[in-house]
């Protein structure tokens, strides 16, 4: 089902956003609800924020690589699962998911 909404130009300027998803009525409703809470930017509460690492996929690899396609409905899916080698994994600690890590998908439709 298509979502239809109209946005006035004066509503776009203050937020400096031009992507249609931002103005989706559902997301605007969620944003209004979130304003009722004492929220903080992630960089104020996180020890370390950084983008992940582009893996070197290997058909012989044994360690699962987490990609946008593997995130569905708040869970991990093995859809089109790719792997990396243990050597690649060990040489790239920045790309390793650790206990208590918070993962945020920033690419891929349906993963935000």
Foldseek 3Di string as FASTA:
>chain_A
DDQDDDDDPVVCVVVVDDDPVCVGPVNVVVVVVCVVDDDDDPVVPDPDDDDADDADFDPPADAWQDDQVQAAPNHGHCVVITGHHPVRCVVGVRRDDDPPDDDQDPDDPPRD
